[in-house]
Amino acid sequence: MKSDSVAMGLLFDRYGELLTEKQRACFDLYHNQDFSLAEIAEEAGVSRQSVHDAVLRAEAALREYEAKLGCAAHAARVRQALAVITAAAAAIESGDANAKALAGDILRAAGSIKE
């Protein structure tokens, strides 16, 4: 279940406030604080299965929010485009002879942000 914790963490950062309080707490303890399901269950005074179900429901909800809204994917495209723009701008500034090609890279990167 923790194999995609980084991706889940990014989705939690974007959409965590949309989860129920129980889902948010269980998810945070499990993925961000590295508690085991048994430790969370003991702390919350519920069964391990209840915690497991809450974490799975939270993960499913986060994936569904991303599928519908796409905020995390858009943010990744923006970061990638900005990296291209920054590199191309630096090359142009340094007097790179391929300024036209680099300007084209900048325009394509900027266009990808609109998607």
C-alpha atoms as a PDB file:
ATOM      1  CA  MET A   1       0.000   0.000   0.000  1.00  0.00           C
ATOM      2  CA  LYS A   2       2.915   2.379   0.647  1.00  0.00           C
ATOM      3  CA  SER A   3       4.552   1.781  -2.727  1.00  0.00           C
ATOM      4  CA  ASP A   4       3.221   5.051  -4.119  1.00  0.00           C
ATOM      5  CA  SER A   5       3.480   7.149  -0.955  1.00  0.00           C
ATOM      6  CA  VAL A   6       5.177  10.050  -2.708  1.00  0.00           C
ATOM      7  CA  ALA A   7       2.435  10.316  -5.319  1.00  0.00           C
ATOM      8  CA  MET A   8      -0.204   9.921  -2.621  1.00  0.00           C
ATOM      9  CA  GLY A   9       1.509  12.620  -0.564  1.00  0.00           C
ATOM     10  CA  LEU A  10       1.329  15.030  -3.486  1.00  0.00           C
ATOM     11  CA  LEU A  11      -2.361  14.270  -3.963  1.00  0.00           C
ATOM     12  CA  PHE A  12      -2.952  14.661  -0.223  1.00  0.00           C
ATOM     13  CA  ASP A  13      -1.291  18.086  -0.330  1.00  0.00           C
ATOM     14  CA  ARG A  14      -3.668  19.117  -3.116  1.00  0.00           C
ATOM     15  CA  TYR A  15      -6.910  17.489  -2.031  1.00  0.00           C
ATOM     16  CA  GLY A  16      -6.493  16.453   1.610  1.00  0.00           C
ATOM     17  CA  GLU A  17      -8.997  19.010   2.875  1.00  0.00           C
ATOM     18  CA  LEU A  18     -11.702  17.287   0.821  1.00  0.00           C
ATOM     19  CA  LEU A  19     -11.356  14.059   2.818  1.00  0.00           C
ATOM     20  CA  THR A  20     -13.341  13.305   5.941  1.00  0.00           C
ATOM     21  CA  GLU A  21     -11.617  14.082   9.220  1.00  0.00           C
ATOM     22  CA  LYS A  22     -11.087  10.372   9.941  1.00  0.00           C
ATOM     23  CA  GLN A  23      -9.700   9.687   6.463  1.00  0.00           C
ATOM     24  CA  ARG A  24      -7.409  12.705   6.684  1.00  0.00           C
ATOM     25  CA  ALA A  25      -6.083  11.702  10.119  1.00  0.00           C
ATOM     26  CA  CYS A  26      -5.532   8.041   9.192  1.00  0.00           C
ATOM     27  CA  PHE A  27      -3.926   8.937   5.875  1.00  0.00           C
ATOM     28  CA  ASP A  28      -1.603  11.482   7.484  1.00  0.00           C
ATOM     29  CA  LEU A  29      -0.470   9.117  10.224  1.00  0.00           C
ATOM     30  CA  TYR A  30       0.012   6.226   7.812  1.00  0.00           C
ATOM     31  CA  HIS A  31       1.690   7.976   4.868  1.00  0.00           C
ATOM     32  CA  ASN A  32       3.272  11.087   6.360  1.00  0.00           C
ATOM     33  CA  GLN A  33       4.093  10.039   9.923  1.00  0.00           C
ATOM     34  CA  ASP A  34       4.946   6.403   9.008  1.00  0.00           C
ATOM     35  CA  PHE A  35       2.701   4.844  11.660  1.00  0.00           C
ATOM     36  CA  SER A  36       1.630   1.251  11.138  1.00  0.00           C
ATOM     37  CA  LEU A  37      -2.039   0.418  10.779  1.00  0.00           C
ATOM     38  CA  ALA A  38      -1.926  -1.259  14.191  1.00  0.00           C
ATOM     39  CA  GLU A  39      -0.361   1.813  15.823  1.00  0.00           C
ATOM     40  CA  ILE A  40      -3.007   4.094  14.344  1.00  0.00           C
ATOM     41  CA  ALA A  41      -5.774   1.726  15.421  1.00  0.00           C
ATOM     42  CA  GLU A  42      -4.426   1.576  18.962  1.00  0.00           C
ATOM     43  CA  GLU A  43      -4.111   5.352  19.170  1.00  0.00           C
ATOM     44  CA  ALA A  44      -7.605   5.925  17.766  1.00  0.00           C
ATOM     45  CA  GLY A  45      -9.227   3.123  19.751  1.00  0.00           C
ATOM     46  CA  VAL A  46     -10.582   1.389  16.645  1.00  0.00           C
ATOM     47  CA  SER A  47      -9.819  -1.842  14.814  1.00  0.00           C
ATOM     48  CA  ARG A  48      -6.886  -2.216  12.452  1.00  0.00           C
ATOM     49  CA  GLN A  49      -9.377  -3.107   9.698  1.00  0.00           C
ATOM     50  CA  SER A  50     -11.213   0.175  10.271  1.00  0.00           C
ATOM     51  CA  VAL A  51      -7.985   2.113   9.817  1.00  0.00           C
ATOM     52  CA  HIS A  52      -7.078   0.065   6.743  1.00  0.00           C
ATOM     53  CA  ASP A  53     -10.480   0.808   5.197  1.00  0.00           C
ATOM     54  CA  ALA A  54     -10.177   4.529   5.985  1.00  0.00           C
ATOM     55  CA  VAL A  55      -6.724   4.720   4.366  1.00  0.00           C
ATOM     56  CA  LEU A  56      -7.934   2.831   1.265  1.00  0.00           C
ATOM     57  CA  ARG A  57     -11.014   5.055   0.945  1.00  0.00           C
ATOM     58  CA  ALA A  58      -8.842   8.151   1.318  1.00  0.00           C
ATOM     59  CA  GLU A  59      -6.437   6.938  -1.371  1.00  0.00           C
ATOM     60  CA  ALA A  60      -9.324   6.127  -3.712  1.00  0.00           C
ATOM     61  CA  ALA A  61     -10.891   9.532  -3.099  1.00  0.00           C
ATOM     62  CA  LEU A  62      -7.596  11.327  -3.766  1.00  0.00           C
ATOM     63  CA  ARG A  63      -7.124   9.430  -7.035  1.00  0.00           C
ATOM     64  CA  GLU A  64     -10.691  10.240  -8.048  1.00  0.00           C
ATOM     65  CA  TYR A  65     -10.220  13.948  -7.302  1.00  0.00           C
ATOM     66  CA  GLU A  66      -7.073  13.971  -9.400  1.00  0.00           C
ATOM     67  CA  ALA A  67      -8.776  12.098 -12.252  1.00  0.00           C
ATOM     68  CA  LYS A  68     -11.589  14.648 -12.303  1.00  0.00           C
ATOM     69  CA  LEU A  69      -9.677  17.845 -11.538  1.00  0.00           C
ATOM     70  CA  GLY A  70      -6.121  17.142 -12.693  1.00  0.00           C
ATOM     71  CA  CYS A  71      -4.503  19.783 -10.474  1.00  0.00           C
ATOM     72  CA  ALA A  72      -1.414  17.718  -9.628  1.00  0.00           C
ATOM     73  CA  ALA A  73      -0.838  16.750 -13.266  1.00  0.00           C
ATOM     74  CA  HIS A  74      -1.219  20.375 -14.331  1.00  0.00           C
ATOM     75  CA  ALA A  75       1.263  21.491 -11.667  1.00  0.00           C
ATOM     76  CA  ALA A  76       3.762  18.901 -12.934  1.00  0.00           C
ATOM     77  CA  ARG A  77       3.363  20.188 -16.514  1.00  0.00           C
ATOM     78  CA  VAL A  78       3.905  23.750 -15.299  1.00  0.00           C
ATOM     79  CA  ARG A  79       7.082  22.751 -13.408  1.00  0.00           C
ATOM     80  CA  GLN A  80       8.394  20.933 -16.480  1.00  0.00           C
ATOM     81  CA  ALA A  81       7.591  23.870 -18.768  1.00  0.00           C
ATOM     82  CA  LEU A  82       9.255  26.318 -16.399  1.00  0.00           C
ATOM     83  CA  ALA A  83      12.392  24.181 -16.364  1.00  0.00           C
ATOM     84  CA  VAL A  84      12.511  24.262 -20.180  1.00  0.00           C
ATOM     85  CA  ILE A  85      11.849  28.003 -20.238  1.00  0.00           C
ATOM     86  CA  THR A  86      14.510  28.696 -17.615  1.00  0.00           C
ATOM     87  CA  ALA A  87      17.127  26.606 -19.427  1.00  0.00           C
ATOM     88  CA  ALA A  88      16.316  28.153 -22.794  1.00  0.00           C
ATOM     89  CA  ALA A  89      16.325  31.693 -21.403  1.00  0.00           C
ATOM     90  CA  ALA A  90      19.702  31.088 -19.758  1.00  0.00           C
ATOM     91  CA  ALA A  91      21.120  29.758 -23.029  1.00  0.00           C
ATOM     92  CA  ILE A  92      19.777  32.764 -24.956  1.00  0.00           C
ATOM     93  CA  GLU A  93      21.184  35.128 -22.343  1.00  0.00           C
ATOM     94  CA  SER A  94      24.602  33.509 -22.625  1.00  0.00           C
ATOM     95  CA  GLY A  95      24.618  34.188 -26.361  1.00  0.00           C
ATOM     96  CA  ASP A  96      23.792  30.703 -27.630  1.00  0.00           C
ATOM     97  CA  ALA A  97      23.756  30.658 -31.428  1.00  0.00           C
ATOM     98  CA  ASN A  98      20.550  28.614 -31.489  1.00  0.00           C
ATOM     99  CA  ALA A  99      18.413  31.462 -30.137  1.00  0.00           C
ATOM    100  CA  LYS A 100      15.574  30.838 -32.613  1.00  0.00           C
ATOM    101  CA  ALA A 101      15.336  27.167 -31.682  1.00  0.00           C
ATOM    102  CA  LEU A 102      15.468  28.016 -27.991  1.00  0.00           C
ATOM    103  CA  ALA A 103      12.752  30.640 -28.438  1.00  0.00           C
ATOM    104  CA  GLY A 104      10.648  27.936 -30.078  1.00  0.00           C
ATOM    105  CA  ASP A 105      11.267  25.712 -27.047  1.00  0.00           C
ATOM    106  CA  ILE A 106      10.020  28.513 -24.817  1.00  0.00           C
ATOM    107  CA  LEU A 107       6.868  28.994 -26.869  1.00  0.00           C
ATOM    108  CA  ARG A 108       6.115  25.257 -26.921  1.00  0.00           C
ATOM    109  CA  ALA A 109       6.673  25.035 -23.156  1.00  0.00           C
ATOM    110  CA  ALA A 110       4.413  28.010 -22.554  1.00  0.00           C
ATOM    111  CA  GLY A 111       1.776  26.416 -24.784  1.00  0.00           C
ATOM    112  CA  SER A 112       1.883  23.210 -22.771  1.00  0.00           C
ATOM    113  CA  ILE A 113       0.952  25.132 -19.628  1.00  0.00           C
ATOM    114  CA  LYS A 114      -2.398  26.100 -21.157  1.00  0.00           C
ATOM    115  CA  GLU A 115      -3.461  22.449 -21.594  1.00  0.00           C
END
